[in-house]
N, C-alpha and C. Protein backbone atom coordinates (compact mmCIF):
# COMPACT_ATOMS: atom_id res chain seq x y z
N UNK A 1 -92.85 -83.16 177.92
CA UNK A 1 -93.32 -84.45 178.39
C UNK A 1 -94.02 -84.27 179.73
N UNK A 2 -95.20 -84.78 179.88
CA UNK A 2 -95.94 -84.67 181.14
C UNK A 2 -95.36 -85.62 182.18
N UNK A 3 -95.40 -85.17 183.42
CA UNK A 3 -94.92 -86.02 184.50
C UNK A 3 -95.87 -87.19 184.68
N UNK A 4 -95.29 -88.34 184.95
CA UNK A 4 -96.08 -89.54 185.18
C UNK A 4 -96.04 -89.84 186.68
N UNK A 5 -97.03 -89.32 187.42
CA UNK A 5 -97.10 -89.56 188.86
C UNK A 5 -98.17 -90.61 189.11
N UNK A 6 -97.78 -91.67 189.81
CA UNK A 6 -98.71 -92.75 190.13
C UNK A 6 -98.89 -92.85 191.64
N UNK A 7 -100.05 -93.32 192.03
CA UNK A 7 -100.34 -93.57 193.43
C UNK A 7 -100.04 -95.03 193.73
N UNK A 8 -99.23 -95.25 194.76
CA UNK A 8 -98.89 -96.60 195.19
C UNK A 8 -99.85 -96.98 196.30
N UNK A 9 -100.44 -98.17 196.20
CA UNK A 9 -101.46 -98.60 197.16
C UNK A 9 -101.03 -99.89 197.87
N UNK A 10 -101.50 -100.04 199.10
CA UNK A 10 -101.24 -101.27 199.86
C UNK A 10 -102.02 -102.42 199.22
N UNK A 11 -101.38 -103.56 199.10
CA UNK A 11 -102.04 -104.73 198.52
C UNK A 11 -102.77 -105.54 199.58
N UNK A 12 -102.57 -105.19 200.85
CA UNK A 12 -103.13 -105.98 201.94
C UNK A 12 -103.36 -105.05 203.14
N UNK A 13 -104.31 -105.37 203.96
CA UNK A 13 -104.47 -104.65 205.22
C UNK A 13 -103.35 -105.07 206.15
N UNK A 14 -102.59 -104.12 206.69
CA UNK A 14 -101.41 -104.45 207.49
C UNK A 14 -100.97 -103.22 208.28
N UNK A 15 -99.87 -103.38 208.99
CA UNK A 15 -99.24 -102.29 209.71
C UNK A 15 -98.01 -101.84 208.94
N UNK A 16 -97.77 -100.53 208.90
CA UNK A 16 -96.55 -100.02 208.25
C UNK A 16 -95.40 -100.30 209.20
N UNK A 17 -94.55 -101.25 208.82
CA UNK A 17 -93.42 -101.63 209.67
C UNK A 17 -92.25 -100.67 209.48
N UNK A 18 -91.95 -100.33 208.20
CA UNK A 18 -90.79 -99.48 207.92
C UNK A 18 -91.01 -98.71 206.63
N UNK A 19 -90.61 -97.44 206.65
CA UNK A 19 -90.55 -96.65 205.41
C UNK A 19 -89.13 -96.82 204.89
N UNK A 20 -89.01 -97.57 203.81
CA UNK A 20 -87.69 -97.92 203.27
C UNK A 20 -87.11 -96.82 202.39
N UNK A 21 -87.98 -95.99 201.80
CA UNK A 21 -87.52 -94.96 200.87
C UNK A 21 -88.32 -93.67 201.10
N UNK A 22 -87.77 -92.73 201.86
CA UNK A 22 -88.50 -91.48 202.09
C UNK A 22 -88.64 -90.65 200.81
N UNK A 23 -89.48 -89.63 200.87
CA UNK A 23 -89.70 -88.73 199.73
C UNK A 23 -88.35 -88.22 199.22
N UNK A 24 -88.23 -88.20 197.90
CA UNK A 24 -87.01 -87.72 197.26
C UNK A 24 -86.04 -88.83 196.90
N UNK A 25 -86.30 -90.04 197.34
CA UNK A 25 -85.41 -91.17 197.06
C UNK A 25 -85.62 -91.68 195.63
N UNK A 26 -84.52 -91.83 194.90
CA UNK A 26 -84.56 -92.42 193.56
C UNK A 26 -84.47 -93.93 193.70
N UNK A 27 -85.34 -94.64 192.99
CA UNK A 27 -85.40 -96.10 193.09
C UNK A 27 -85.37 -96.75 191.71
N UNK A 28 -84.90 -97.99 191.69
CA UNK A 28 -85.00 -98.82 190.50
C UNK A 28 -86.31 -99.59 190.57
N UNK A 29 -86.74 -100.14 189.46
CA UNK A 29 -87.94 -100.97 189.45
C UNK A 29 -87.81 -102.08 190.48
N UNK A 30 -88.87 -102.31 191.23
CA UNK A 30 -88.96 -103.36 192.26
C UNK A 30 -88.15 -103.09 193.53
N UNK A 31 -87.61 -101.88 193.71
CA UNK A 31 -87.03 -101.51 195.01
C UNK A 31 -88.18 -101.27 195.98
N UNK A 32 -87.96 -101.55 197.25
CA UNK A 32 -89.00 -101.37 198.27
C UNK A 32 -89.16 -99.90 198.62
N UNK A 33 -90.43 -99.46 198.69
CA UNK A 33 -90.76 -98.11 199.14
C UNK A 33 -91.14 -98.17 200.62
N UNK A 34 -92.02 -99.10 200.94
CA UNK A 34 -92.53 -99.28 202.29
C UNK A 34 -92.56 -100.78 202.57
N UNK A 35 -92.35 -101.15 203.82
CA UNK A 35 -92.49 -102.56 204.21
C UNK A 35 -93.65 -102.66 205.19
N UNK A 36 -94.63 -103.47 204.81
CA UNK A 36 -95.79 -103.71 205.66
C UNK A 36 -95.54 -104.98 206.47
N UNK A 37 -96.25 -105.10 207.59
CA UNK A 37 -96.15 -106.30 208.42
C UNK A 37 -97.55 -106.78 208.71
N UNK A 38 -97.77 -108.06 208.44
CA UNK A 38 -99.06 -108.68 208.72
C UNK A 38 -98.81 -110.12 209.13
N UNK A 39 -99.33 -110.49 210.29
CA UNK A 39 -99.19 -111.86 210.79
C UNK A 39 -97.72 -112.31 210.80
N UNK A 40 -96.85 -111.41 211.25
CA UNK A 40 -95.40 -111.65 211.38
C UNK A 40 -94.69 -111.88 210.05
N UNK A 41 -95.34 -111.48 208.95
CA UNK A 41 -94.72 -111.56 207.62
C UNK A 41 -94.45 -110.14 207.14
N UNK A 42 -93.29 -109.93 206.52
CA UNK A 42 -92.96 -108.64 205.92
C UNK A 42 -93.39 -108.64 204.46
N UNK A 43 -94.15 -107.62 204.09
CA UNK A 43 -94.66 -107.51 202.72
C UNK A 43 -94.15 -106.19 202.13
N UNK A 44 -93.17 -106.24 201.22
CA UNK A 44 -92.67 -105.00 200.64
C UNK A 44 -93.66 -104.42 199.62
N UNK A 45 -93.76 -103.10 199.63
CA UNK A 45 -94.51 -102.36 198.61
C UNK A 45 -93.45 -101.82 197.67
N UNK A 46 -93.46 -102.29 196.43
CA UNK A 46 -92.37 -102.04 195.50
C UNK A 46 -92.63 -100.89 194.52
N UNK A 47 -91.53 -100.32 194.05
CA UNK A 47 -91.61 -99.31 192.98
C UNK A 47 -92.06 -100.01 191.70
N UNK A 48 -93.05 -99.44 191.00
CA UNK A 48 -93.55 -100.09 189.77
C UNK A 48 -92.57 -99.99 188.60
N UNK A 49 -91.67 -99.03 188.67
CA UNK A 49 -90.65 -98.81 187.64
C UNK A 49 -89.62 -97.86 188.23
N UNK A 50 -88.54 -97.61 187.53
CA UNK A 50 -87.53 -96.68 188.02
C UNK A 50 -88.14 -95.28 188.15
N UNK A 51 -87.77 -94.57 189.19
CA UNK A 51 -88.29 -93.23 189.39
C UNK A 51 -87.96 -92.71 190.78
N UNK A 52 -88.76 -91.74 191.24
CA UNK A 52 -88.50 -91.06 192.51
C UNK A 52 -89.76 -91.04 193.36
N UNK A 53 -89.58 -91.30 194.65
CA UNK A 53 -90.69 -91.20 195.59
C UNK A 53 -91.04 -89.72 195.74
N UNK A 54 -92.29 -89.35 195.50
CA UNK A 54 -92.73 -87.96 195.62
C UNK A 54 -93.17 -87.68 197.05
N UNK A 55 -94.02 -88.56 197.59
CA UNK A 55 -94.57 -88.33 198.93
C UNK A 55 -94.92 -89.66 199.57
N UNK A 56 -94.65 -89.76 200.87
CA UNK A 56 -95.09 -90.90 201.67
C UNK A 56 -96.35 -90.45 202.40
N UNK A 57 -97.42 -91.22 202.28
CA UNK A 57 -98.73 -90.82 202.81
C UNK A 57 -99.09 -91.50 204.12
N UNK A 58 -98.17 -92.30 204.67
CA UNK A 58 -98.41 -93.03 205.91
C UNK A 58 -97.21 -92.86 206.84
N UNK A 59 -97.37 -93.31 208.09
CA UNK A 59 -96.30 -93.26 209.07
C UNK A 59 -96.01 -94.66 209.57
N UNK A 60 -94.79 -94.88 210.04
CA UNK A 60 -94.45 -96.17 210.64
C UNK A 60 -95.38 -96.43 211.82
N UNK A 61 -95.86 -97.67 211.91
CA UNK A 61 -96.77 -98.06 212.97
C UNK A 61 -98.25 -97.89 212.63
N UNK A 62 -98.53 -97.18 211.55
CA UNK A 62 -99.92 -96.93 211.15
C UNK A 62 -100.53 -98.18 210.52
N UNK A 63 -101.80 -98.42 210.82
CA UNK A 63 -102.55 -99.49 210.16
C UNK A 63 -103.06 -98.98 208.82
N UNK A 64 -102.94 -99.79 207.78
CA UNK A 64 -103.47 -99.43 206.46
C UNK A 64 -104.44 -100.51 206.00
N UNK A 65 -105.37 -100.11 205.17
CA UNK A 65 -106.35 -101.03 204.60
C UNK A 65 -105.91 -101.43 203.20
N UNK A 66 -106.39 -102.57 202.75
CA UNK A 66 -106.13 -102.99 201.38
C UNK A 66 -106.61 -101.92 200.42
N UNK A 67 -105.77 -101.51 199.48
CA UNK A 67 -106.12 -100.50 198.49
C UNK A 67 -105.86 -99.07 198.93
N UNK A 68 -105.46 -98.87 200.17
CA UNK A 68 -105.20 -97.50 200.67
C UNK A 68 -103.93 -96.94 200.02
N UNK A 69 -103.99 -95.67 199.64
CA UNK A 69 -102.81 -94.99 199.08
C UNK A 69 -101.75 -94.85 200.17
N UNK A 70 -100.51 -95.27 199.85
CA UNK A 70 -99.42 -95.19 200.83
C UNK A 70 -98.29 -94.26 200.36
N UNK A 71 -98.22 -94.00 199.05
CA UNK A 71 -97.16 -93.14 198.53
C UNK A 71 -97.53 -92.67 197.12
N UNK A 72 -96.84 -91.62 196.68
CA UNK A 72 -96.92 -91.22 195.27
C UNK A 72 -95.51 -91.33 194.69
N UNK A 73 -95.45 -91.63 193.40
CA UNK A 73 -94.19 -92.00 192.75
C UNK A 73 -94.15 -91.39 191.36
N UNK A 74 -93.00 -90.85 190.99
CA UNK A 74 -92.83 -90.20 189.67
C UNK A 74 -91.87 -91.03 188.81
N UNK A 75 -92.28 -91.29 187.57
CA UNK A 75 -91.44 -92.02 186.63
C UNK A 75 -90.26 -91.17 186.20
């Protein structure tokens, strides 16, 4: 069976407030990987399905653009 690795992207331009799940973390569907902050609102970036975070591509405090890759995730 081939590995299913997906790229997780920011849905909004924002600041990376917190990395909730570092690389190697196993998550259930809809668990937060990263929490973005924009206009004093927290916007979680969620796992699309159960799996494991492969790599975090951003750092806390970094500005990200809408559509920017923020993590990779393995089913």
